[in-house]
Amino acid sequence: MRCSRNIFPNLPILFPGFRNRKKGMYVGWISWVGHLTGSGRLDGTLGILIGLYICSHPAANMLDMLLFMKPDIRESLVASASGRFWLFLNLLAFFAAWAVIFTGVLRFIARSM
């Protein structure tokens, strides 16, 4: 008998692929082409806004966990492997978003050539 149990049923929810594609598209495009609009200020502004949008979801998840979960539920989440995996993915998305923000800030303050 084949087991139909899915080990990670919420993986698409936990690993936000759409936001990750936006991060990769922005950083890749800036690295390869060098500009989005031709204006360093506008490119930097877009990068900062994209980074803040990407960063908002993991930050909201962390605040929800810290402020609104009951302590026993929070402890069981951190104790389980899937809970630690969820926290790891949130931290990964958070730090990747900061990389996008950093790239946008560098574009914003760079001298135009």
Protein backbone atom coordinates (compact mmCIF):
# COMPACT_ATOMS: atom_id res chain seq x y z
CA MET A 1 0.00 0.00 0.00
CA ARG A 2 1.39 3.35 -1.03
CA CYS A 3 1.52 6.12 1.55
CA SER A 4 -0.19 9.26 0.28
CA ARG A 5 0.96 11.41 3.18
CA ASN A 6 2.65 14.61 2.05
CA ILE A 7 5.63 15.46 4.24
CA PHE A 8 5.54 19.20 3.47
CA PRO A 9 1.91 20.00 2.62
CA ASN A 10 2.37 23.75 3.00
CA LEU A 11 5.67 24.07 1.18
CA PRO A 12 4.30 26.46 -1.49
CA ILE A 13 2.96 28.68 1.28
CA LEU A 14 6.12 28.47 3.37
CA PHE A 15 8.49 29.02 0.46
CA PRO A 16 7.09 32.02 -1.35
CA GLY A 17 8.34 31.36 -4.86
CA PHE A 18 6.81 34.46 -6.39
CA ARG A 19 8.64 36.80 -4.03
CA ASN A 20 11.87 34.84 -4.53
CA ARG A 21 11.56 35.25 -8.28
CA LYS A 22 11.17 39.00 -7.82
CA LYS A 23 14.33 39.12 -5.72
CA GLY A 24 16.27 37.14 -8.26
CA MET A 25 14.89 39.09 -11.21
CA TYR A 26 15.79 42.46 -9.69
CA VAL A 27 19.30 41.57 -8.55
CA GLY A 28 20.01 39.62 -11.75
CA TRP A 29 18.76 42.39 -14.00
CA ILE A 30 20.75 45.06 -12.13
CA SER A 31 23.88 42.88 -12.22
CA TRP A 32 23.56 41.99 -15.90
CA VAL A 33 22.14 45.11 -17.56
CA GLY A 34 23.07 47.69 -14.94
CA HIS A 35 19.82 49.65 -14.91
CA LEU A 36 16.06 49.30 -15.06
CA THR A 37 14.95 52.75 -16.12
CA GLY A 38 18.18 54.55 -16.95
CA SER A 39 17.97 56.73 -13.85
CA GLY A 40 20.03 55.67 -10.82
CA ARG A 41 17.65 57.35 -8.41
CA LEU A 42 14.58 55.68 -9.89
CA ASP A 43 16.33 52.29 -10.06
CA GLY A 44 17.32 52.62 -6.41
CA THR A 45 13.83 53.69 -5.38
CA LEU A 46 12.30 50.68 -7.16
CA GLY A 47 14.84 48.36 -5.53
CA ILE A 48 14.13 49.74 -2.07
CA LEU A 49 10.36 49.40 -2.57
CA ILE A 50 10.65 45.84 -3.91
CA GLY A 51 12.91 44.91 -0.99
CA LEU A 52 10.53 46.40 1.56
CA TYR A 53 7.61 44.53 0.02
CA ILE A 54 9.51 41.25 0.07
CA CYS A 55 10.70 41.86 3.63
CA SER A 56 7.23 42.70 4.94
CA HIS A 57 5.84 39.17 4.80
CA PRO A 58 8.54 37.39 6.84
CA ALA A 59 8.59 40.29 9.30
CA ALA A 60 4.81 40.03 9.71
CA ASN A 61 5.10 36.27 10.28
CA MET A 62 7.73 36.80 12.98
CA LEU A 63 5.69 39.50 14.71
CA ASP A 64 2.60 37.31 14.61
CA MET A 65 4.56 34.49 16.17
CA LEU A 66 6.14 36.63 18.88
CA LEU A 67 3.16 38.79 19.80
CA PHE A 68 -0.01 36.84 19.14
CA MET A 69 0.78 33.14 19.60
CA LYS A 70 0.26 31.56 22.97
CA PRO A 71 3.58 30.62 24.61
CA ASP A 72 2.91 26.87 24.57
CA ILE A 73 2.04 26.92 20.85
CA ARG A 74 5.14 29.00 20.12
CA GLU A 75 7.34 26.57 22.05
CA SER A 76 5.87 23.58 20.21
CA LEU A 77 6.46 25.37 16.89
CA VAL A 78 10.11 25.97 17.69
CA ALA A 79 10.52 22.42 19.03
CA SER A 80 9.24 20.72 15.87
CA ALA A 81 11.35 20.23 12.76
CA SER A 82 8.72 21.72 10.47
CA GLY A 83 8.48 24.79 12.71
CA ARG A 84 12.23 25.32 12.58
CA PHE A 85 12.11 24.87 8.80
CA TRP A 86 9.38 27.54 8.61
CA LEU A 87 11.47 29.91 10.72
CA PHE A 88 14.54 29.21 8.57
CA LEU A 89 12.63 30.02 5.37
CA ASN A 90 11.31 33.24 6.88
CA LEU A 91 14.81 34.28 7.92
CA LEU A 92 16.16 33.36 4.49
CA ALA A 93 13.52 35.50 2.75
CA PHE A 94 14.15 38.31 5.25
CA PHE A 95 17.90 38.42 4.61
CA ALA A 96 17.47 38.10 0.85
CA ALA A 97 15.08 41.06 0.98
CA TRP A 98 17.72 43.05 2.85
CA ALA A 99 20.14 42.23 0.02
CA VAL A 100 17.65 43.72 -2.44
CA ILE A 101 17.24 46.81 -0.25
CA PHE A 102 21.02 47.16 0.01
CA THR A 103 21.37 46.91 -3.78
CA GLY A 104 18.66 49.53 -4.18
CA VAL A 105 20.35 51.88 -1.71
CA LEU A 106 23.64 51.49 -3.56
CA ARG A 107 21.87 52.37 -6.81
CA PHE A 108 20.16 55.33 -5.18
CA ILE A 109 23.33 56.92 -3.80
CA ALA A 110 25.65 56.03 -6.71
CA ARG A 111 26.80 58.77 -9.03
CA SER A 112 25.26 58.61 -12.46
CA MET A 113 27.75 57.96 -15.23
